[in-house]
Amino acid sequence: MLKLPKDWQTFSGGKLAEVLLAQLSGLPVQTEFLRGLVAAALDPTLDQRAENPGSCLRELLDRYNRLVVDRGGDDRLLVAIPPPTVYRTVDLRVPTYDPDGAIEYDYNRTENLTLQELDGLRAVMGNPADPDSPDVLIERAVGLWRVFVHPNNGDPLCIIEIRSDRATIETDRGELLLERQLP
């Protein structure tokens, strides 16, 4: 298992790549592919991903592990990623929308919504301590916004990307579900 320093989110893309590559040097042959992905994902000239190393690292690991599973392997790469720093938390109560009810927005039937400021903005629908509470994570990358929709504490159900010229919805495996050109 690879281990990242506690302050890894403050690293530049190049420093994060350096730390990862140093640890990858002792791993088996498939790491050549992984080294290429690390270098490409953290190269600031490629889609400017180095601006958000945390997002880049998670995407990189997801892609690598999907590739291993798709090839029938079971040697997924695990990284001990320290939990993200939560800078601010706002707890809200949201009314239940019921178009057929006597009251359209029923403030007597409210649910918790917790907003957490991290690398992006995380909105937890329900109890943030409950791993089965759904959430969405909104992050800013160069030239786009990304929204990760999690039905529980697992992989995202889908990833929505909004750019100036188009919006896309993909599965967590990178399969395009919808693409719309924007005016």
N, C-alpha and C. Protein backbone atom coordinates (compact mmCIF):
# COMPACT_ATOMS: atom_id res chain seq x y z
N MET A 1 0.85 -1.18 0.00
CA MET A 1 0.00 0.00 0.00
C MET A 1 0.90 1.24 0.00
N LEU A 2 0.54 2.19 -0.86
CA LEU A 2 1.27 3.45 -0.89
C LEU A 2 0.76 4.33 0.25
N LYS A 3 1.63 5.14 0.81
CA LYS A 3 1.23 6.04 1.89
C LYS A 3 1.60 7.46 1.51
N LEU A 4 0.66 8.34 1.72
CA LEU A 4 0.89 9.75 1.43
C LEU A 4 1.10 10.51 2.73
N PRO A 5 1.97 11.53 2.70
CA PRO A 5 2.13 12.36 3.89
C PRO A 5 0.81 13.06 4.23
N LYS A 6 0.66 13.42 5.48
CA LYS A 6 -0.59 14.04 5.93
C LYS A 6 -0.92 15.32 5.16
N ASP A 7 0.10 16.06 4.76
CA ASP A 7 -0.13 17.34 4.08
C ASP A 7 -0.07 17.23 2.56
N TRP A 8 -0.36 16.03 2.02
CA TRP A 8 -0.22 15.79 0.57
C TRP A 8 -1.06 16.73 -0.27
N GLN A 9 -2.20 17.20 0.24
CA GLN A 9 -3.07 18.06 -0.56
C GLN A 9 -2.47 19.43 -0.80
N THR A 10 -1.44 19.78 -0.04
CA THR A 10 -0.80 21.08 -0.24
C THR A 10 0.33 20.99 -1.27
N PHE A 11 0.66 19.78 -1.71
CA PHE A 11 1.76 19.59 -2.66
C PHE A 11 1.39 20.10 -4.04
N SER A 12 2.37 20.55 -4.77
CA SER A 12 2.16 20.83 -6.19
C SER A 12 2.00 19.49 -6.90
N GLY A 13 1.50 19.51 -8.12
CA GLY A 13 1.38 18.28 -8.90
C GLY A 13 2.71 17.58 -9.04
N GLY A 14 3.78 18.33 -9.29
CA GLY A 14 5.10 17.74 -9.47
C GLY A 14 5.60 17.06 -8.22
N LYS A 15 5.39 17.68 -7.05
CA LYS A 15 5.83 17.10 -5.78
C LYS A 15 5.05 15.83 -5.48
N LEU A 16 3.73 15.84 -5.75
CA LEU A 16 2.91 14.65 -5.52
C LEU A 16 3.38 13.51 -6.43
N ALA A 17 3.67 13.82 -7.68
CA ALA A 17 4.16 12.79 -8.61
C ALA A 17 5.47 12.22 -8.11
N GLU A 18 6.35 13.09 -7.59
CA GLU A 18 7.65 12.66 -7.06
C GLU A 18 7.47 11.67 -5.90
N VAL A 19 6.58 11.99 -4.97
CA VAL A 19 6.32 11.12 -3.82
C VAL A 19 5.76 9.77 -4.28
N LEU A 20 4.80 9.80 -5.21
CA LEU A 20 4.20 8.56 -5.70
C LEU A 20 5.22 7.72 -6.46
N LEU A 21 5.96 8.33 -7.36
CA LEU A 21 6.91 7.57 -8.16
C LEU A 21 7.99 6.94 -7.30
N ALA A 22 8.40 7.61 -6.23
CA ALA A 22 9.41 7.04 -5.34
C ALA A 22 8.88 5.76 -4.69
N GLN A 23 7.61 5.75 -4.33
CA GLN A 23 7.03 4.57 -3.71
C GLN A 23 6.72 3.48 -4.73
N LEU A 24 6.45 3.86 -5.99
CA LEU A 24 6.10 2.88 -7.03
C LEU A 24 7.31 2.08 -7.50
N SER A 25 8.51 2.57 -7.23
CA SER A 25 9.71 1.93 -7.79
C SER A 25 9.85 0.47 -7.36
N GLY A 26 9.31 0.07 -6.23
CA GLY A 26 9.44 -1.31 -5.78
C GLY A 26 8.28 -2.21 -6.15
N LEU A 27 7.30 -1.71 -6.90
CA LEU A 27 6.13 -2.52 -7.22
C LEU A 27 6.30 -3.28 -8.55
N PRO A 28 5.44 -4.30 -8.81
CA PRO A 28 5.59 -5.14 -10.00
C PRO A 28 5.40 -4.40 -11.33
N VAL A 29 5.51 -5.20 -12.40
CA VAL A 29 5.57 -4.70 -13.79
C VAL A 29 4.44 -3.76 -14.20
N GLN A 30 3.21 -3.99 -13.74
CA GLN A 30 2.10 -3.13 -14.17
C GLN A 30 2.32 -1.68 -13.79
N THR A 31 3.30 -1.42 -12.95
CA THR A 31 3.53 -0.04 -12.54
C THR A 31 4.05 0.83 -13.68
N GLU A 32 4.56 0.24 -14.75
CA GLU A 32 4.97 1.07 -15.89
C GLU A 32 3.76 1.84 -16.41
N PHE A 33 2.64 1.14 -16.52
CA PHE A 33 1.40 1.79 -16.95
C PHE A 33 1.02 2.88 -15.94
N LEU A 34 1.10 2.53 -14.65
CA LEU A 34 0.73 3.47 -13.61
C LEU A 34 1.65 4.68 -13.60
N ARG A 35 2.95 4.46 -13.78
CA ARG A 35 3.88 5.59 -13.84
C ARG A 35 3.52 6.54 -14.96
N GLY A 36 3.15 5.96 -16.11
CA GLY A 36 2.73 6.80 -17.23
C GLY A 36 1.50 7.62 -16.89
N LEU A 37 0.53 6.98 -16.22
CA LEU A 37 -0.69 7.70 -15.82
C LEU A 37 -0.38 8.80 -14.82
N VAL A 38 0.49 8.50 -13.85
CA VAL A 38 0.85 9.52 -12.85
C VAL A 38 1.47 10.71 -13.54
N ALA A 39 2.44 10.43 -14.41
CA ALA A 39 3.14 11.52 -15.10
C ALA A 39 2.17 12.33 -15.95
N ALA A 40 1.29 11.64 -16.69
CA ALA A 40 0.34 12.34 -17.56
C ALA A 40 -0.68 13.13 -16.75
N ALA A 41 -1.21 12.51 -15.71
CA ALA A 41 -2.26 13.16 -14.93
C ALA A 41 -1.74 14.38 -14.18
N LEU A 42 -0.48 14.35 -13.79
CA LEU A 42 0.05 15.46 -13.01
C LEU A 42 0.84 16.46 -13.84
N ASP A 43 0.94 16.23 -15.14
CA ASP A 43 1.65 17.15 -16.02
C ASP A 43 0.79 18.40 -16.19
N PRO A 44 1.26 19.57 -15.75
CA PRO A 44 0.42 20.77 -15.80
C PRO A 44 0.04 21.19 -17.22
N THR A 45 0.71 20.68 -18.23
CA THR A 45 0.35 21.06 -19.61
C THR A 45 -0.78 20.20 -20.15
N LEU A 46 -1.11 19.10 -19.46
CA LEU A 46 -2.18 18.23 -19.91
C LEU A 46 -3.45 18.52 -19.14
N ASP A 47 -4.34 19.27 -19.73
CA ASP A 47 -5.65 19.58 -19.16
C ASP A 47 -5.55 20.30 -17.81
N GLN A 48 -4.37 20.80 -17.48
CA GLN A 48 -4.17 21.58 -16.26
C GLN A 48 -4.61 20.84 -15.00
N ARG A 49 -4.50 19.52 -14.97
CA ARG A 49 -4.97 18.73 -13.83
C ARG A 49 -4.14 18.96 -12.57
N ALA A 50 -2.92 19.43 -12.70
CA ALA A 50 -2.07 19.59 -11.52
C ALA A 50 -2.62 20.61 -10.54
N GLU A 51 -3.60 21.42 -10.98
CA GLU A 51 -4.16 22.42 -10.07
C GLU A 51 -4.88 21.75 -8.90
N ASN A 52 -5.40 20.56 -9.09
CA ASN A 52 -6.10 19.87 -8.02
C ASN A 52 -5.54 18.46 -7.85
N PRO A 53 -4.39 18.31 -7.16
CA PRO A 53 -3.76 17.00 -7.02
C PRO A 53 -4.65 15.95 -6.37
N GLY A 54 -5.50 16.36 -5.42
CA GLY A 54 -6.37 15.39 -4.75
C GLY A 54 -7.32 14.73 -5.71
N SER A 55 -8.00 15.52 -6.52
CA SER A 55 -8.92 14.98 -7.51
C SER A 55 -8.18 14.13 -8.52
N CYS A 56 -7.03 14.62 -8.93
CA CYS A 56 -6.22 13.91 -9.91
C CYS A 56 -5.82 12.54 -9.38
N LEU A 57 -5.38 12.47 -8.14
CA LEU A 57 -4.94 11.21 -7.56
C LEU A 57 -6.10 10.22 -7.48
N ARG A 58 -7.25 10.68 -7.02
CA ARG A 58 -8.40 9.78 -6.91
C ARG A 58 -8.81 9.26 -8.29
N GLU A 59 -8.83 10.14 -9.29
CA GLU A 59 -9.19 9.72 -10.64
C GLU A 59 -8.17 8.72 -11.18
N LEU A 60 -6.91 8.98 -10.95
CA LEU A 60 -5.84 8.09 -11.39
C LEU A 60 -6.00 6.70 -10.79
N LEU A 61 -6.23 6.63 -9.49
CA LEU A 61 -6.38 5.33 -8.83
C LEU A 61 -7.63 4.60 -9.33
N ASP A 62 -8.74 5.34 -9.51
CA ASP A 62 -9.95 4.72 -10.03
C ASP A 62 -9.70 4.11 -11.41
N ARG A 63 -9.04 4.87 -12.29
CA ARG A 63 -8.76 4.36 -13.63
C ARG A 63 -7.87 3.13 -13.60
N TYR A 64 -6.83 3.17 -12.78
CA TYR A 64 -5.90 2.05 -12.69
C TYR A 64 -6.63 0.81 -12.17
N ASN A 65 -7.40 0.96 -11.09
CA ASN A 65 -8.09 -0.19 -10.51
C ASN A 65 -9.16 -0.74 -11.44
N ARG A 66 -9.85 0.12 -12.20
CA ARG A 66 -10.82 -0.37 -13.18
C ARG A 66 -10.12 -1.17 -14.26
N LEU A 67 -8.93 -0.71 -14.69
CA LEU A 67 -8.16 -1.42 -15.70
C LEU A 67 -7.76 -2.81 -15.19
N VAL A 68 -7.31 -2.88 -13.95
CA VAL A 68 -6.92 -4.17 -13.36
C VAL A 68 -8.11 -5.11 -13.32
N VAL A 69 -9.27 -4.63 -12.86
CA VAL A 69 -10.47 -5.46 -12.77
C VAL A 69 -10.92 -5.87 -14.17
N ASP A 70 -10.92 -4.94 -15.13
CA ASP A 70 -11.33 -5.26 -16.50
C ASP A 70 -10.45 -6.33 -17.13
N ARG A 71 -9.19 -6.38 -16.73
CA ARG A 71 -8.27 -7.40 -17.26
C ARG A 71 -8.36 -8.70 -16.47
N GLY A 72 -9.26 -8.75 -15.50
CA GLY A 72 -9.44 -9.97 -14.73
C GLY A 72 -8.47 -10.12 -13.58
N GLY A 73 -7.74 -9.08 -13.26
CA GLY A 73 -6.77 -9.14 -12.17
C GLY A 73 -7.39 -8.81 -10.83
N ASP A 74 -6.63 -9.09 -9.80
CA ASP A 74 -7.11 -8.72 -8.47
C ASP A 74 -6.05 -7.96 -7.68
N ASP A 75 -5.04 -7.42 -8.40
CA ASP A 75 -3.97 -6.68 -7.73
C ASP A 75 -4.22 -5.18 -7.81
N ARG A 76 -5.36 -4.79 -7.24
CA ARG A 76 -5.69 -3.36 -7.21
C ARG A 76 -4.65 -2.62 -6.39
N LEU A 77 -4.44 -1.38 -6.75
CA LEU A 77 -3.50 -0.54 -6.02
C LEU A 77 -4.27 0.22 -4.95
N LEU A 78 -3.82 0.10 -3.72
CA LEU A 78 -4.46 0.80 -2.62
C LEU A 78 -3.53 1.89 -2.12
N VAL A 79 -4.09 3.02 -1.84
CA VAL A 79 -3.30 4.12 -1.30
C VAL A 79 -3.98 4.59 -0.02
N ALA A 80 -3.19 4.73 1.01
CA ALA A 80 -3.71 5.27 2.26
C ALA A 80 -3.82 6.78 2.10
N ILE A 81 -4.99 7.25 1.74
CA ILE A 81 -5.21 8.68 1.53
C ILE A 81 -5.80 9.27 2.81
N PRO A 82 -5.07 10.17 3.46
CA PRO A 82 -5.65 10.79 4.65
C PRO A 82 -6.95 11.50 4.28
N PRO A 83 -7.92 11.51 5.20
CA PRO A 83 -9.17 12.19 4.88
C PRO A 83 -8.92 13.66 4.58
N PRO A 84 -9.75 14.23 3.69
CA PRO A 84 -9.54 15.64 3.35
C PRO A 84 -9.81 16.54 4.55
N THR A 85 -9.16 17.66 4.55
CA THR A 85 -9.37 18.66 5.60
C THR A 85 -10.72 19.33 5.35
N VAL A 86 -11.56 19.36 6.38
CA VAL A 86 -12.83 20.07 6.30
C VAL A 86 -12.60 21.45 6.88
N TYR A 87 -12.74 22.47 6.03
CA TYR A 87 -12.48 23.84 6.47
C TYR A 87 -13.67 24.46 7.19
N ARG A 88 -14.86 24.23 6.66
CA ARG A 88 -16.08 24.76 7.28
C ARG A 88 -17.21 23.76 7.08
N THR A 89 -18.15 23.75 8.01
CA THR A 89 -19.34 22.90 7.90
C THR A 89 -20.57 23.74 8.20
N VAL A 90 -21.61 23.57 7.39
CA VAL A 90 -22.89 24.25 7.62
C VAL A 90 -23.97 23.18 7.61
N ASP A 91 -24.74 23.10 8.70
CA ASP A 91 -25.84 22.14 8.80
C ASP A 91 -27.15 22.86 8.51
N LEU A 92 -27.93 22.28 7.62
CA LEU A 92 -29.20 22.87 7.21
C LEU A 92 -30.32 21.84 7.36
N ARG A 93 -31.55 22.32 7.40
CA ARG A 93 -32.74 21.47 7.36
C ARG A 93 -33.49 21.85 6.09
N VAL A 94 -33.77 20.85 5.26
CA VAL A 94 -34.40 21.10 3.96
C VAL A 94 -35.83 20.55 4.00
N PRO A 95 -36.82 21.36 3.58
CA PRO A 95 -38.19 20.86 3.59
C PRO A 95 -38.39 19.79 2.52
N THR A 96 -39.37 18.94 2.75
CA THR A 96 -39.70 17.89 1.78
C THR A 96 -40.63 18.45 0.72
N TYR A 97 -40.28 18.25 -0.54
CA TYR A 97 -41.13 18.69 -1.66
C TYR A 97 -42.14 17.60 -1.94
N ASP A 98 -43.41 17.96 -1.96
CA ASP A 98 -44.49 17.01 -2.24
C ASP A 98 -45.52 17.72 -3.11
N PRO A 99 -45.44 17.56 -4.45
CA PRO A 99 -46.36 18.29 -5.33
C PRO A 99 -47.81 17.89 -5.13
N ASP A 100 -48.06 16.70 -4.55
CA ASP A 100 -49.44 16.25 -4.35
C ASP A 100 -49.94 16.52 -2.93
N GLY A 101 -49.10 17.04 -2.07
CA GLY A 101 -49.48 17.28 -0.69
C GLY A 101 -50.25 18.57 -0.53
N ALA A 102 -50.81 18.74 0.65
CA ALA A 102 -51.55 19.97 0.96
C ALA A 102 -50.60 21.16 0.95
N ILE A 103 -49.35 20.93 1.34
CA ILE A 103 -48.32 21.97 1.33
C ILE A 103 -47.21 21.49 0.41
N GLU A 104 -46.90 22.29 -0.61
CA GLU A 104 -45.90 21.85 -1.60
C GLU A 104 -44.52 21.62 -0.97
N TYR A 105 -44.06 22.56 -0.14
CA TYR A 105 -42.79 22.41 0.58
C TYR A 105 -43.12 22.30 2.05
N ASP A 106 -43.05 21.07 2.58
CA ASP A 106 -43.49 20.78 3.93
C ASP A 106 -42.34 20.95 4.93
N TYR A 107 -42.38 22.04 5.69
CA TYR A 107 -41.34 22.33 6.69
C TYR A 107 -41.52 21.51 7.96
N ASN A 108 -42.60 20.73 8.04
CA ASN A 108 -42.77 19.80 9.16
C ASN A 108 -42.07 18.47 8.87
N ARG A 109 -41.72 18.25 7.61
CA ARG A 109 -40.98 17.03 7.22
C ARG A 109 -39.65 17.49 6.59
N THR A 110 -38.68 17.78 7.44
CA THR A 110 -37.39 18.25 6.94
C THR A 110 -36.35 17.14 7.05
N GLU A 111 -35.30 17.27 6.25
CA GLU A 111 -34.17 16.34 6.27
C GLU A 111 -32.88 17.15 6.43
N ASN A 112 -31.88 16.50 7.00
CA ASN A 112 -30.57 17.15 7.16
C ASN A 112 -29.87 17.29 5.82
N LEU A 113 -29.20 18.41 5.64
CA LEU A 113 -28.30 18.63 4.53
C LEU A 113 -27.07 19.33 5.12
N THR A 114 -25.92 18.68 5.00
CA THR A 114 -24.69 19.23 5.57
C THR A 114 -23.77 19.63 4.44
N LEU A 115 -23.31 20.87 4.45
CA LEU A 115 -22.36 21.36 3.46
C LEU A 115 -20.99 21.40 4.12
N GLN A 116 -20.00 20.81 3.43
CA GLN A 116 -18.63 20.79 3.95
C GLN A 116 -17.71 21.40 2.90
N GLU A 117 -16.91 22.37 3.31
CA GLU A 117 -15.92 22.96 2.42
C GLU A 117 -14.63 22.15 2.54
N LEU A 118 -14.24 21.46 1.44
CA LEU A 118 -13.01 20.67 1.39
C LEU A 118 -12.21 21.14 0.19
N ASP A 119 -11.67 20.18 -0.60
CA ASP A 119 -11.05 20.54 -1.88
C ASP A 119 -12.11 21.15 -2.79
N GLY A 120 -13.35 20.79 -2.55
CA GLY A 120 -14.50 21.33 -3.26
C GLY A 120 -15.59 21.54 -2.24
N LEU A 121 -16.84 21.46 -2.66
CA LEU A 121 -17.97 21.58 -1.75
C LEU A 121 -18.69 20.24 -1.74
N ARG A 122 -18.85 19.66 -0.56
CA ARG A 122 -19.53 18.37 -0.40
C ARG A 122 -20.86 18.63 0.28
N ALA A 123 -21.93 18.11 -0.34
CA ALA A 123 -23.26 18.22 0.26
C ALA A 123 -23.70 16.81 0.63
N VAL A 124 -23.85 16.56 1.94
CA VAL A 124 -24.27 15.25 2.43
C VAL A 124 -25.75 15.31 2.73
N MET A 125 -26.51 14.40 2.11
CA MET A 125 -27.95 14.35 2.31
C MET A 125 -28.25 13.32 3.38
N GLY A 126 -28.42 13.78 4.61
CA GLY A 126 -28.61 12.88 5.74
C GLY A 126 -27.53 13.13 6.77
N ASN A 127 -27.12 12.08 7.47
CA ASN A 127 -26.14 12.19 8.54
C ASN A 127 -24.73 12.02 7.97
N PRO A 128 -23.85 13.02 8.10
CA PRO A 128 -22.50 12.90 7.56
C PRO A 128 -21.69 11.75 8.16
N ALA A 129 -22.04 11.30 9.37
CA ALA A 129 -21.33 10.19 10.00
C ALA A 129 -21.80 8.84 9.46
N ASP A 130 -22.93 8.81 8.77
CA ASP A 130 -23.48 7.56 8.23
C ASP A 130 -22.90 7.33 6.83
N PRO A 131 -22.10 6.25 6.65
CA PRO A 131 -21.48 6.01 5.35
C PRO A 131 -22.48 5.72 4.23
N ASP A 132 -23.72 5.42 4.58
CA ASP A 132 -24.72 5.15 3.55
C ASP A 132 -25.49 6.39 3.13
N SER A 133 -25.18 7.56 3.73
CA SER A 133 -25.84 8.80 3.32
C SER A 133 -25.33 9.21 1.94
N PRO A 134 -26.24 9.51 1.01
CA PRO A 134 -25.79 9.96 -0.31
C PRO A 134 -25.15 11.34 -0.21
N ASP A 135 -24.26 11.64 -1.17
CA ASP A 135 -23.67 12.97 -1.21
C ASP A 135 -23.29 13.34 -2.63
N VAL A 136 -23.06 14.62 -2.81
CA VAL A 136 -22.50 15.11 -4.07
C VAL A 136 -21.27 15.94 -3.70
N LEU A 137 -20.26 15.84 -4.54
CA LEU A 137 -19.04 16.62 -4.34
C LEU A 137 -18.89 17.50 -5.57
N ILE A 138 -18.79 18.79 -5.37
CA ILE A 138 -18.63 19.75 -6.46
C ILE A 138 -17.22 20.29 -6.39
N GLU A 139 -16.48 20.18 -7.50
CA GLU A 139 -15.12 20.71 -7.50
C GLU A 139 -14.89 21.54 -8.75
N ARG A 140 -13.97 22.45 -8.63
CA ARG A 140 -13.59 23.32 -9.74
C ARG A 140 -12.25 22.84 -10.28
N ALA A 141 -12.18 22.65 -11.58
CA ALA A 141 -10.92 22.35 -12.27
C ALA A 141 -10.76 23.42 -13.33
N VAL A 142 -9.60 23.52 -13.91
CA VAL A 142 -9.37 24.55 -14.91
C VAL A 142 -10.33 24.33 -16.08
N GLY A 143 -11.16 25.32 -16.36
CA GLY A 143 -12.07 25.27 -17.50
C GLY A 143 -13.33 24.45 -17.31
N LEU A 144 -13.57 23.92 -16.12
CA LEU A 144 -14.79 23.13 -15.93
C LEU A 144 -15.16 23.00 -14.47
N TRP A 145 -16.42 22.59 -14.26
CA TRP A 145 -16.92 22.20 -12.95
C TRP A 145 -17.21 20.71 -13.03
N ARG A 146 -16.92 19.98 -11.95
CA ARG A 146 -17.24 18.55 -11.87
C ARG A 146 -18.16 18.32 -10.67
N VAL A 147 -19.17 17.46 -10.88
CA VAL A 147 -20.07 17.06 -9.81
C VAL A 147 -20.04 15.54 -9.73
N PHE A 148 -19.61 15.01 -8.58
CA PHE A 148 -19.57 13.57 -8.36
C PHE A 148 -20.79 13.21 -7.52
N VAL A 149 -21.63 12.30 -8.02
CA VAL A 149 -22.85 11.90 -7.32
C VAL A 149 -22.61 10.53 -6.70
N HIS A 150 -22.64 10.47 -5.37
CA HIS A 150 -22.40 9.22 -4.63
C HIS A 150 -23.71 8.77 -3.97
N PRO A 151 -24.21 7.57 -4.32
CA PRO A 151 -25.43 7.08 -3.66
C PRO A 151 -25.15 6.63 -2.23
N ASN A 152 -23.88 6.37 -1.91
CA ASN A 152 -23.45 5.97 -0.56
C ASN A 152 -21.96 6.28 -0.48
N ASN A 153 -21.24 5.62 0.40
CA ASN A 153 -19.83 5.92 0.61
C ASN A 153 -18.92 5.29 -0.45
N GLY A 154 -19.49 4.66 -1.47
CA GLY A 154 -18.68 3.97 -2.48
C GLY A 154 -18.33 4.84 -3.67
N ASP A 155 -18.13 4.16 -4.80
CA ASP A 155 -17.79 4.86 -6.04
C ASP A 155 -18.93 5.76 -6.47
N PRO A 156 -18.60 6.81 -7.26
CA PRO A 156 -19.68 7.69 -7.72
C PRO A 156 -20.63 6.96 -8.67
N LEU A 157 -21.89 7.32 -8.59
CA LEU A 157 -22.90 6.79 -9.51
C LEU A 157 -22.67 7.39 -10.88
N CYS A 158 -22.35 8.68 -10.90
CA CYS A 158 -22.03 9.35 -12.15
C CYS A 158 -21.20 10.59 -11.87
N ILE A 159 -20.58 11.08 -12.94
CA ILE A 159 -19.77 12.29 -12.86
C ILE A 159 -20.30 13.26 -13.91
N ILE A 160 -20.66 14.44 -13.47
CA ILE A 160 -21.18 15.47 -14.38
C ILE A 160 -20.07 16.50 -14.56
N GLU A 161 -19.75 16.80 -15.81
CA GLU A 161 -18.76 17.84 -16.10
C GLU A 161 -19.44 18.95 -16.90
N ILE A 162 -19.23 20.18 -16.46
CA ILE A 162 -19.82 21.33 -17.15
C ILE A 162 -18.68 22.24 -17.59
N ARG A 163 -18.56 22.40 -18.91
CA ARG A 163 -17.55 23.28 -19.51
C ARG A 163 -18.28 24.45 -20.15
N SER A 164 -17.54 25.38 -20.70
CA SER A 164 -18.19 26.54 -21.32
C SER A 164 -18.97 26.16 -22.57
N ASP A 165 -18.58 25.08 -23.26
CA ASP A 165 -19.22 24.73 -24.52
C ASP A 165 -20.06 23.46 -24.47
N ARG A 166 -19.94 22.65 -23.39
CA ARG A 166 -20.71 21.41 -23.34
C ARG A 166 -20.83 20.90 -21.89
N ALA A 167 -21.78 20.00 -21.71
CA ALA A 167 -21.95 19.31 -20.44
C ALA A 167 -22.03 17.82 -20.72
N THR A 168 -21.42 17.01 -19.85
CA THR A 168 -21.44 15.57 -20.03
C THR A 168 -21.80 14.89 -18.72
N ILE A 169 -22.37 13.69 -18.86
CA ILE A 169 -22.61 12.82 -17.72
C ILE A 169 -21.98 11.48 -18.07
N GLU A 170 -21.08 11.00 -17.19
CA GLU A 170 -20.40 9.73 -17.40
C GLU A 170 -20.63 8.83 -16.20
N THR A 171 -20.50 7.52 -16.42
CA THR A 171 -20.52 6.59 -15.29
C THR A 171 -19.16 6.67 -14.60
N ASP A 172 -19.04 6.03 -13.46
CA ASP A 172 -17.74 6.02 -12.76
C ASP A 172 -16.70 5.23 -13.54
N ARG A 173 -17.11 4.49 -14.57
CA ARG A 173 -16.18 3.72 -15.39
C ARG A 173 -15.82 4.47 -16.67
N GLY A 174 -16.25 5.72 -16.77
CA GLY A 174 -15.88 6.55 -17.92
C GLY A 174 -16.78 6.39 -19.13
N GLU A 175 -17.90 5.66 -19.01
CA GLU A 175 -18.82 5.48 -20.13
C GLU A 175 -19.71 6.72 -20.25
N LEU A 176 -19.74 7.30 -21.43
CA LEU A 176 -20.52 8.51 -21.67
C LEU A 176 -22.01 8.18 -21.71
N LEU A 177 -22.80 8.80 -20.83
CA LEU A 177 -24.23 8.60 -20.80
C LEU A 177 -24.97 9.68 -21.57
N LEU A 178 -24.46 10.90 -21.49
CA LEU A 178 -25.14 12.03 -22.12
C LEU A 178 -24.12 13.13 -22.39
N GLU A 179 -24.24 13.76 -23.55
CA GLU A 179 -23.41 14.91 -23.85
C GLU A 179 -24.29 15.94 -24.55
N ARG A 180 -24.23 17.16 -24.08
CA ARG A 180 -25.00 18.25 -24.67
C ARG A 180 -24.07 19.41 -24.97
N GLN A 181 -24.20 19.95 -26.17
CA GLN A 181 -23.47 21.17 -26.52
C GLN A 181 -24.23 22.35 -25.92
N LEU A 182 -23.50 23.29 -25.37
CA LEU A 182 -24.13 24.46 -24.76
C LEU A 182 -24.01 25.66 -25.70
N PRO A 183 -25.03 26.51 -25.69
CA PRO A 183 -24.99 27.68 -26.59
C PRO A 183 -23.93 28.69 -26.18
